């Protein structure tokens, strides 16, 4: 994730993802898991369990700060 000129936000991941979404995506689009550069299905679950709390904390902090300031600043940019 990054901010450009405090006016644009780019997020190149899915901070909103849930375990149910991983199940759906890796089932309904299982054919995509064989594409070059993709992780195996089980790795998506492992990564979610490993990182979901940190991502949820980041998301809450980011959104609270962004809404409070009315800009695209991240919590460390003050």
C-alpha atoms as a PDB file:
ATOM      1  CA  UNK A   1       0.000   0.000   0.000  1.00  0.00           C
ATOM      2  CA  UNK A   2       1.204   3.486  -0.660  1.00  0.00           C
ATOM      3  CA  UNK A   3       0.056   7.075  -0.803  1.00  0.00           C
ATOM      4  CA  UNK A   4       0.800   9.520  -3.623  1.00  0.00           C
ATOM      5  CA  UNK A   5       0.831  13.257  -2.844  1.00  0.00           C
ATOM      6  CA  UNK A   6      -1.516  12.644   0.095  1.00  0.00           C
ATOM      7  CA  UNK A   7      -4.404  12.493  -2.385  1.00  0.00           C
ATOM      8  CA  UNK A   8      -4.283   9.007  -3.891  1.00  0.00           C
ATOM      9  CA  UNK A   9      -4.112   5.625  -2.234  1.00  0.00           C
ATOM     10  CA  UNK A  10      -2.945   2.415  -3.881  1.00  0.00           C
ATOM     11  CA  UNK A  11      -3.496  -0.941  -2.250  1.00  0.00           C
ATOM     12  CA  UNK A  12      -2.105  -3.951  -4.073  1.00  0.00           C
ATOM     13  CA  UNK A  13      -3.574  -6.591  -1.803  1.00  0.00           C
ATOM     14  CA  UNK A  14      -6.943  -7.392  -0.234  1.00  0.00           C
ATOM     15  CA  UNK A  15      -7.026  -6.117   3.360  1.00  0.00           C
ATOM     16  CA  UNK A  16     -10.742  -6.940   3.485  1.00  0.00           C
ATOM     17  CA  UNK A  17     -10.311 -10.643   2.780  1.00  0.00           C
ATOM     18  CA  UNK A  18     -11.977 -13.199   5.011  1.00  0.00           C
ATOM     19  CA  UNK A  19     -11.481 -16.915   5.407  1.00  0.00           C
ATOM     20  CA  UNK A  20     -14.796 -17.483   3.607  1.00  0.00           C
ATOM     21  CA  UNK A  21     -13.554 -15.421   0.662  1.00  0.00           C
ATOM     22  CA  UNK A  22     -10.374 -17.503   0.434  1.00  0.00           C
ATOM     23  CA  UNK A  23     -12.490 -20.662   0.373  1.00  0.00           C
ATOM     24  CA  UNK A  24     -14.682 -19.237  -2.425  1.00  0.00           C
ATOM     25  CA  UNK A  25     -11.846 -17.837  -4.504  1.00  0.00           C
ATOM     26  CA  UNK A  26      -9.677 -20.935  -4.272  1.00  0.00           C
ATOM     27  CA  UNK A  27     -12.626 -23.181  -5.083  1.00  0.00           C
ATOM     28  CA  UNK A  28     -14.448 -21.246  -7.805  1.00  0.00           C
ATOM     29  CA  UNK A  29     -11.201 -20.105  -9.445  1.00  0.00           C
ATOM     30  CA  UNK A  30      -9.119 -23.185  -8.630  1.00  0.00           C
ATOM     31  CA  UNK A  31      -7.947 -23.311 -12.250  1.00  0.00           C
ATOM     32  CA  UNK A  32      -6.049 -20.051 -11.662  1.00  0.00           C
ATOM     33  CA  UNK A  33      -3.940 -21.646  -8.942  1.00  0.00           C
ATOM     34  CA  UNK A  34      -1.956 -23.473 -11.618  1.00  0.00           C
ATOM     35  CA  UNK A  35      -0.901 -20.226 -13.296  1.00  0.00           C
ATOM     36  CA  UNK A  36       2.703 -19.102 -13.102  1.00  0.00           C
ATOM     37  CA  UNK A  37       3.566 -17.193  -9.947  1.00  0.00           C
ATOM     38  CA  UNK A  38       0.551 -18.275  -7.915  1.00  0.00           C
ATOM     39  CA  UNK A  39       0.698 -19.808  -4.470  1.00  0.00           C
ATOM     40  CA  UNK A  40      -0.786 -23.225  -3.765  1.00  0.00           C
ATOM     41  CA  UNK A  41      -4.289 -23.222  -2.274  1.00  0.00           C
ATOM     42  CA  UNK A  42      -3.098 -24.286   1.177  1.00  0.00           C
ATOM     43  CA  UNK A  43      -0.589 -21.425   1.300  1.00  0.00           C
ATOM     44  CA  UNK A  44      -3.442 -18.902   1.041  1.00  0.00           C
ATOM     45  CA  UNK A  45      -4.973 -20.341   4.210  1.00  0.00           C
ATOM     46  CA  UNK A  46      -1.620 -20.475   6.003  1.00  0.00           C
ATOM     47  CA  UNK A  47      -0.854 -16.870   5.088  1.00  0.00           C
ATOM     48  CA  UNK A  48      -4.299 -15.724   6.185  1.00  0.00           C
ATOM     49  CA  UNK A  49      -3.881 -17.355   9.595  1.00  0.00           C
ATOM     50  CA  UNK A  50      -0.396 -15.887   9.901  1.00  0.00           C
ATOM     51  CA  UNK A  51      -1.146 -12.312   8.826  1.00  0.00           C
ATOM     52  CA  UNK A  52      -4.872 -11.637   9.322  1.00  0.00           C
ATOM     53  CA  UNK A  53      -4.503  -9.962  12.745  1.00  0.00           C
ATOM     54  CA  UNK A  54      -1.738  -7.660  11.546  1.00  0.00           C
ATOM     55  CA  UNK A  55      -3.697  -6.757   8.417  1.00  0.00           C
ATOM     56  CA  UNK A  56      -6.847  -6.074  10.471  1.00  0.00           C
ATOM     57  CA  UNK A  57      -4.853  -3.776  12.777  1.00  0.00           C
ATOM     58  CA  UNK A  58      -3.309  -1.979   9.804  1.00  0.00           C
ATOM     59  CA  UNK A  59      -6.713  -1.596   8.131  1.00  0.00           C
ATOM     60  CA  UNK A  60      -8.374  -0.177  11.260  1.00  0.00           C
ATOM     61  CA  UNK A  61      -5.540   2.253  11.900  1.00  0.00           C
ATOM     62  CA  UNK A  62      -5.344   3.322   8.270  1.00  0.00           C
ATOM     63  CA  UNK A  63      -9.079   3.886   7.902  1.00  0.00           C
ATOM     64  CA  UNK A  64      -9.437   5.685  11.237  1.00  0.00           C
ATOM     65  CA  UNK A  65      -6.591   8.021  10.368  1.00  0.00           C
ATOM     66  CA  UNK A  66      -7.747   8.593   6.804  1.00  0.00           C
ATOM     67  CA  UNK A  67     -11.303   9.371   7.839  1.00  0.00           C
ATOM     68  CA  UNK A  68     -10.203  11.555  10.744  1.00  0.00           C
ATOM     69  CA  UNK A  69      -7.833  13.636   8.642  1.00  0.00           C
ATOM     70  CA  UNK A  70      -9.884  13.645   5.485  1.00  0.00           C
ATOM     71  CA  UNK A  71      -6.735  12.845   3.489  1.00  0.00           C
ATOM     72  CA  UNK A  72      -4.922   9.772   2.292  1.00  0.00           C
ATOM     73  CA  UNK A  73      -2.183  10.067   4.904  1.00  0.00           C
ATOM     74  CA  UNK A  74      -0.978   6.933   6.592  1.00  0.00           C
ATOM     75  CA  UNK A  75      -0.685   6.848  10.401  1.00  0.00           C
ATOM     76  CA  UNK A  76       3.079   7.508  10.229  1.00  0.00           C
ATOM     77  CA  UNK A  77       2.700  10.616   8.056  1.00  0.00           C
ATOM     78  CA  UNK A  78       1.854  13.547  10.309  1.00  0.00           C
END
